[in-house]
N, C-alpha and C. Protein backbone atom coordinates (compact mmCIF):
# COMPACT_ATOMS: atom_id res chain seq x y z
N MET A 1 116.01 108.79 89.68
CA MET A 1 115.52 108.02 90.81
C MET A 1 116.68 107.25 91.43
N GLY A 2 117.38 107.62 92.40
CA GLY A 2 118.53 106.89 92.92
C GLY A 2 118.13 105.67 93.71
N ARG A 3 119.11 104.91 94.07
CA ARG A 3 118.90 103.71 94.89
C ARG A 3 118.58 104.12 96.32
N PHE A 4 117.66 103.41 96.94
CA PHE A 4 117.28 103.67 98.33
C PHE A 4 117.89 102.60 99.22
N ASN A 5 118.14 102.97 100.46
CA ASN A 5 118.61 102.02 101.46
C ASN A 5 117.51 101.83 102.49
N CYS A 6 117.28 100.58 102.88
CA CYS A 6 116.26 100.28 103.89
C CYS A 6 116.93 100.13 105.25
N PHE A 7 116.27 100.69 106.24
CA PHE A 7 116.75 100.61 107.62
C PHE A 7 115.59 100.21 108.52
N TYR A 8 115.92 99.54 109.59
CA TYR A 8 114.94 99.23 110.63
C TYR A 8 114.97 100.33 111.67
N TYR A 9 113.80 100.77 112.10
CA TYR A 9 113.72 101.71 113.21
C TYR A 9 114.29 101.00 114.43
N SER A 10 115.14 101.71 115.17
CA SER A 10 115.77 101.15 116.35
C SER A 10 115.28 101.87 117.60
N LEU A 11 114.81 101.11 118.58
CA LEU A 11 114.38 101.67 119.85
C LEU A 11 115.61 102.13 120.64
N SER A 12 115.41 102.94 121.66
CA SER A 12 116.55 103.42 122.46
C SER A 12 117.30 102.25 123.11
N SER A 13 116.63 101.12 123.30
CA SER A 13 117.27 99.93 123.87
C SER A 13 118.15 99.20 122.85
N GLY A 14 118.03 99.61 121.57
CA GLY A 14 118.78 98.94 120.51
C GLY A 14 117.97 97.87 119.79
N ARG A 15 116.81 97.51 120.34
CA ARG A 15 115.95 96.53 119.68
C ARG A 15 115.39 97.11 118.38
N MET A 16 115.19 96.23 117.40
CA MET A 16 114.61 96.61 116.12
C MET A 16 113.35 95.78 115.91
N PRO A 17 112.18 96.35 116.26
CA PRO A 17 110.93 95.58 116.22
C PRO A 17 110.60 94.94 114.87
N VAL A 18 110.84 95.63 113.77
CA VAL A 18 110.49 95.05 112.46
C VAL A 18 111.41 93.87 112.16
N LYS A 19 112.68 94.02 112.43
CA LYS A 19 113.63 92.92 112.19
C LYS A 19 113.24 91.70 113.03
N GLU A 20 112.93 91.92 114.30
CA GLU A 20 112.52 90.82 115.17
C GLU A 20 111.23 90.17 114.68
N PHE A 21 110.30 90.99 114.20
CA PHE A 21 109.03 90.48 113.67
C PHE A 21 109.29 89.56 112.49
N ILE A 22 110.07 90.01 111.52
CA ILE A 22 110.36 89.21 110.33
C ILE A 22 111.12 87.94 110.70
N GLU A 23 112.08 88.05 111.60
CA GLU A 23 112.87 86.87 111.98
C GLU A 23 112.06 85.84 112.75
N SER A 24 110.88 86.22 113.24
CA SER A 24 110.03 85.28 113.98
C SER A 24 109.29 84.32 113.06
N PHE A 25 109.32 84.56 111.75
CA PHE A 25 108.61 83.73 110.79
C PHE A 25 109.52 82.70 110.16
N GLU A 26 108.89 81.73 109.48
CA GLU A 26 109.64 80.70 108.78
C GLU A 26 110.38 81.30 107.59
N SER A 27 111.30 80.55 107.04
CA SER A 27 112.18 81.07 105.98
C SER A 27 111.41 81.51 104.74
N LYS A 28 110.31 80.86 104.42
CA LYS A 28 109.53 81.23 103.22
C LYS A 28 109.02 82.68 103.34
N THR A 29 108.52 83.04 104.51
CA THR A 29 108.04 84.41 104.74
C THR A 29 109.21 85.38 104.74
N GLN A 30 110.32 85.00 105.34
CA GLN A 30 111.51 85.86 105.35
C GLN A 30 112.01 86.09 103.92
N ASP A 31 111.94 85.07 103.08
CA ASP A 31 112.36 85.21 101.69
C ASP A 31 111.44 86.17 100.92
N LYS A 32 110.12 86.09 101.17
CA LYS A 32 109.19 87.01 100.52
C LYS A 32 109.49 88.44 100.93
N PHE A 33 109.73 88.63 102.23
CA PHE A 33 110.07 89.96 102.72
C PHE A 33 111.36 90.46 102.06
N ALA A 34 112.38 89.62 101.96
CA ALA A 34 113.66 90.02 101.36
C ALA A 34 113.45 90.45 99.91
N TYR A 35 112.60 89.74 99.17
CA TYR A 35 112.31 90.09 97.79
C TYR A 35 111.66 91.48 97.70
N ILE A 36 110.65 91.72 98.53
CA ILE A 36 109.95 93.00 98.50
C ILE A 36 110.86 94.13 98.99
N GLN A 37 111.71 93.84 99.95
CA GLN A 37 112.67 94.86 100.41
C GLN A 37 113.62 95.25 99.28
N ARG A 38 114.07 94.27 98.50
CA ARG A 38 114.94 94.58 97.35
C ARG A 38 114.20 95.45 96.33
N LEU A 39 112.93 95.16 96.10
CA LEU A 39 112.14 96.00 95.19
C LEU A 39 112.08 97.43 95.72
N LEU A 40 111.86 97.59 97.02
CA LEU A 40 111.80 98.92 97.62
C LEU A 40 113.14 99.64 97.46
N GLU A 41 114.24 98.93 97.66
CA GLU A 41 115.56 99.54 97.50
C GLU A 41 115.80 99.97 96.06
N GLU A 42 115.34 99.18 95.11
CA GLU A 42 115.54 99.49 93.70
C GLU A 42 114.60 100.59 93.19
N LEU A 43 113.34 100.54 93.61
CA LEU A 43 112.33 101.44 93.05
C LEU A 43 111.98 102.62 93.94
N GLY A 44 112.25 102.53 95.23
CA GLY A 44 111.95 103.62 96.15
C GLY A 44 110.50 104.03 96.08
N ARG A 45 110.26 105.31 95.89
CA ARG A 45 108.90 105.86 95.85
C ARG A 45 108.08 105.36 94.66
N GLU A 46 108.73 104.77 93.69
CA GLU A 46 108.02 104.25 92.52
C GLU A 46 107.40 102.88 92.75
N LEU A 47 107.71 102.22 93.87
CA LEU A 47 107.13 100.92 94.17
C LEU A 47 105.65 101.11 94.50
N LYS A 48 104.80 100.42 93.81
CA LYS A 48 103.35 100.58 93.94
C LYS A 48 102.69 99.25 94.32
N GLN A 49 101.34 99.27 94.34
CA GLN A 49 100.58 98.06 94.63
C GLN A 49 100.89 97.00 93.58
N PRO A 50 100.94 95.77 93.94
CA PRO A 50 100.46 95.19 95.18
C PRO A 50 101.49 95.17 96.31
N TYR A 51 102.70 95.66 96.07
CA TYR A 51 103.77 95.54 97.07
C TYR A 51 103.79 96.69 98.07
N SER A 52 103.39 97.86 97.66
CA SER A 52 103.46 99.04 98.51
C SER A 52 102.23 99.90 98.29
N LYS A 53 101.83 100.58 99.36
CA LYS A 53 100.68 101.47 99.26
C LYS A 53 100.89 102.66 100.19
N TYR A 54 100.58 103.85 99.70
CA TYR A 54 100.62 105.06 100.52
C TYR A 54 99.38 105.07 101.39
N ILE A 55 99.57 105.26 102.71
CA ILE A 55 98.40 105.25 103.59
C ILE A 55 98.13 106.60 104.24
N GLY A 56 98.98 107.60 103.97
CA GLY A 56 98.74 108.95 104.48
C GLY A 56 99.82 109.42 105.44
N ASP A 57 99.91 110.75 105.58
CA ASP A 57 100.87 111.38 106.50
C ASP A 57 102.31 110.91 106.27
N ASP A 58 102.68 110.75 105.00
CA ASP A 58 104.03 110.31 104.61
C ASP A 58 104.37 108.90 105.09
N ILE A 59 103.36 108.10 105.39
CA ILE A 59 103.56 106.71 105.81
C ILE A 59 103.08 105.79 104.68
N PHE A 60 103.87 104.74 104.43
CA PHE A 60 103.59 103.75 103.41
C PHE A 60 103.53 102.38 104.08
N GLU A 61 103.00 101.40 103.36
CA GLU A 61 103.02 100.04 103.86
C GLU A 61 103.55 99.10 102.79
N LEU A 62 104.44 98.19 103.21
CA LEU A 62 104.81 97.05 102.39
C LEU A 62 103.77 95.99 102.68
N ARG A 63 103.38 95.25 101.64
CA ARG A 63 102.28 94.30 101.78
C ARG A 63 102.63 92.98 101.11
N PHE A 64 102.37 91.90 101.84
CA PHE A 64 102.51 90.59 101.22
C PHE A 64 101.80 89.53 102.05
N GLN A 65 101.48 88.43 101.39
CA GLN A 65 100.82 87.30 102.03
C GLN A 65 101.86 86.31 102.52
N SER A 66 101.57 85.70 103.65
CA SER A 66 102.41 84.62 104.15
C SER A 66 101.50 83.54 104.72
N GLU A 67 102.09 82.45 105.15
CA GLU A 67 101.29 81.40 105.77
C GLU A 67 100.65 81.88 107.06
N ALA A 68 101.25 82.89 107.69
CA ALA A 68 100.72 83.45 108.94
C ALA A 68 99.57 84.41 108.69
N GLY A 69 99.44 84.88 107.46
CA GLY A 69 98.39 85.85 107.13
C GLY A 69 98.94 86.98 106.30
N THR A 70 98.22 88.09 106.31
CA THR A 70 98.59 89.26 105.53
C THR A 70 99.57 90.12 106.34
N ILE A 71 100.79 90.23 105.86
CA ILE A 71 101.84 90.97 106.56
C ILE A 71 101.85 92.41 106.08
N ARG A 72 101.96 93.34 107.03
CA ARG A 72 102.09 94.76 106.73
C ARG A 72 103.29 95.30 107.49
N ILE A 73 104.12 96.05 106.77
CA ILE A 73 105.28 96.71 107.38
C ILE A 73 105.17 98.19 107.02
N LEU A 74 105.03 99.03 108.03
CA LEU A 74 104.90 100.47 107.80
C LEU A 74 106.28 101.10 107.73
N TYR A 75 106.40 102.10 106.84
CA TYR A 75 107.68 102.76 106.65
C TYR A 75 107.47 104.17 106.13
N PHE A 76 108.55 104.94 106.16
CA PHE A 76 108.53 106.29 105.59
C PHE A 76 109.86 106.53 104.91
N PHE A 77 109.89 107.54 104.06
CA PHE A 77 111.12 107.92 103.37
C PHE A 77 111.76 109.11 104.05
N TRP A 78 113.06 109.08 104.15
CA TRP A 78 113.84 110.22 104.62
C TRP A 78 115.07 110.28 103.72
N GLU A 79 115.12 111.30 102.87
CA GLU A 79 116.17 111.44 101.86
C GLU A 79 116.21 110.17 101.02
N ASN A 80 117.33 109.45 100.97
CA ASN A 80 117.40 108.24 100.15
C ASN A 80 117.24 106.97 101.00
N ARG A 81 116.54 107.11 102.11
CA ARG A 81 116.33 105.98 103.02
C ARG A 81 114.86 105.66 103.16
N ALA A 82 114.57 104.38 103.34
CA ALA A 82 113.24 103.93 103.72
C ALA A 82 113.40 103.34 105.12
N ILE A 83 112.72 103.93 106.09
CA ILE A 83 112.84 103.51 107.48
C ILE A 83 111.59 102.70 107.84
N MET A 84 111.78 101.43 108.16
CA MET A 84 110.67 100.55 108.52
C MET A 84 110.41 100.67 110.02
N THR A 85 109.22 101.15 110.37
CA THR A 85 108.93 101.51 111.75
C THR A 85 108.24 100.42 112.57
N ASN A 86 107.29 99.74 112.00
CA ASN A 86 106.55 98.71 112.72
C ASN A 86 105.91 97.74 111.74
N ALA A 87 105.54 96.57 112.27
CA ALA A 87 105.01 95.51 111.42
C ALA A 87 103.96 94.72 112.20
N PHE A 88 103.05 94.13 111.45
CA PHE A 88 101.99 93.36 112.09
C PHE A 88 101.33 92.44 111.06
N VAL A 89 100.59 91.48 111.56
CA VAL A 89 99.75 90.63 110.71
C VAL A 89 98.38 91.29 110.70
N LYS A 90 97.94 91.69 109.52
CA LYS A 90 96.66 92.39 109.39
C LYS A 90 95.52 91.37 109.49
N LYS A 91 94.58 91.66 110.39
CA LYS A 91 93.51 90.70 110.67
C LYS A 91 92.14 91.18 110.24
N SER A 92 92.05 92.43 109.77
CA SER A 92 90.75 92.94 109.33
C SER A 92 90.96 93.84 108.10
N ALA A 93 89.86 94.26 107.52
CA ALA A 93 89.94 95.09 106.31
C ALA A 93 90.49 96.49 106.61
N LYS A 94 90.25 96.99 107.83
CA LYS A 94 90.70 98.33 108.18
C LYS A 94 92.12 98.30 108.74
N MET A 95 92.87 99.35 108.44
CA MET A 95 94.21 99.51 108.99
C MET A 95 94.07 99.88 110.47
N PRO A 96 94.73 99.16 111.37
CA PRO A 96 94.65 99.51 112.79
C PRO A 96 95.22 100.91 113.06
N LEU A 97 94.41 101.77 113.66
CA LEU A 97 94.84 103.14 113.94
C LEU A 97 96.05 103.19 114.86
N LYS A 98 96.17 102.25 115.80
CA LYS A 98 97.32 102.26 116.71
C LYS A 98 98.62 102.01 115.94
N GLU A 99 98.57 101.24 114.88
CA GLU A 99 99.77 100.98 114.08
C GLU A 99 100.17 102.23 113.29
N ILE A 100 99.19 102.92 112.73
CA ILE A 100 99.47 104.16 112.01
C ILE A 100 100.03 105.20 112.96
N SER A 101 99.44 105.31 114.14
CA SER A 101 99.90 106.26 115.15
C SER A 101 101.34 105.97 115.57
N LEU A 102 101.66 104.69 115.75
CA LEU A 102 103.02 104.31 116.12
C LEU A 102 104.01 104.66 115.01
N ALA A 103 103.64 104.42 113.76
CA ALA A 103 104.52 104.76 112.63
C ALA A 103 104.75 106.27 112.56
N ARG A 104 103.70 107.05 112.76
CA ARG A 104 103.83 108.52 112.76
C ARG A 104 104.78 108.98 113.87
N GLN A 105 104.58 108.42 115.06
CA GLN A 105 105.42 108.78 116.20
C GLN A 105 106.88 108.46 115.93
N ARG A 106 107.15 107.28 115.42
CA ARG A 106 108.53 106.87 115.14
C ARG A 106 109.12 107.70 114.00
N ARG A 107 108.32 108.09 113.03
CA ARG A 107 108.80 108.96 111.96
C ARG A 107 109.23 110.30 112.53
N LYS A 108 108.38 110.87 113.39
CA LYS A 108 108.68 112.16 113.99
C LYS A 108 109.98 112.10 114.81
N ILE A 109 110.14 111.06 115.60
CA ILE A 109 111.36 110.88 116.40
C ILE A 109 112.58 110.75 115.49
N SER A 110 112.46 109.95 114.45
CA SER A 110 113.59 109.71 113.53
C SER A 110 114.03 110.99 112.83
N ILE A 111 113.07 111.73 112.32
CA ILE A 111 113.40 112.96 111.59
C ILE A 111 114.00 113.99 112.53
N SER A 112 113.45 114.11 113.72
CA SER A 112 114.01 115.05 114.71
C SER A 112 115.45 114.68 115.04
N SER A 113 115.71 113.39 115.22
CA SER A 113 117.06 112.93 115.53
C SER A 113 118.02 113.21 114.39
N GLN A 114 117.56 112.99 113.15
CA GLN A 114 118.41 113.24 111.99
C GLN A 114 118.75 114.72 111.85
N ARG A 115 117.79 115.56 112.10
CA ARG A 115 118.01 117.00 111.99
C ARG A 115 118.97 117.51 113.07
N GLU A 116 118.96 116.83 114.22
CA GLU A 116 119.86 117.22 115.31
C GLU A 116 121.24 116.60 115.15
N GLY A 117 121.39 115.73 114.14
CA GLY A 117 122.69 115.12 113.89
C GLY A 117 122.98 113.91 114.76
N ILE A 118 121.95 113.34 115.37
CA ILE A 118 122.15 112.17 116.22
C ILE A 118 122.21 110.93 115.37
């Protein structure tokens, strides 16, 4: 099981939505995220609940509580990388379909770009 590297999905404008999302919170939430990110880098696909959960179509979610609510960060694996595509504060029991759709779309774009050598 090798070490994984975490990356933020980058829009064509250069913006990184997940990074901006995390940086919008107080330091306590940022520290929780940093801890879970380190676990993901160390354990990769072996990271399980309560920190990570497979939600389907090769998409996973990082999960943790903060003062703002239940934080979810969607990501996928590509070789030895975990690419974090989008993040949100979960407000209901069901996973928002638009968030899953966005993660799938960004995964498809990322993999296509990697295969083309971009």
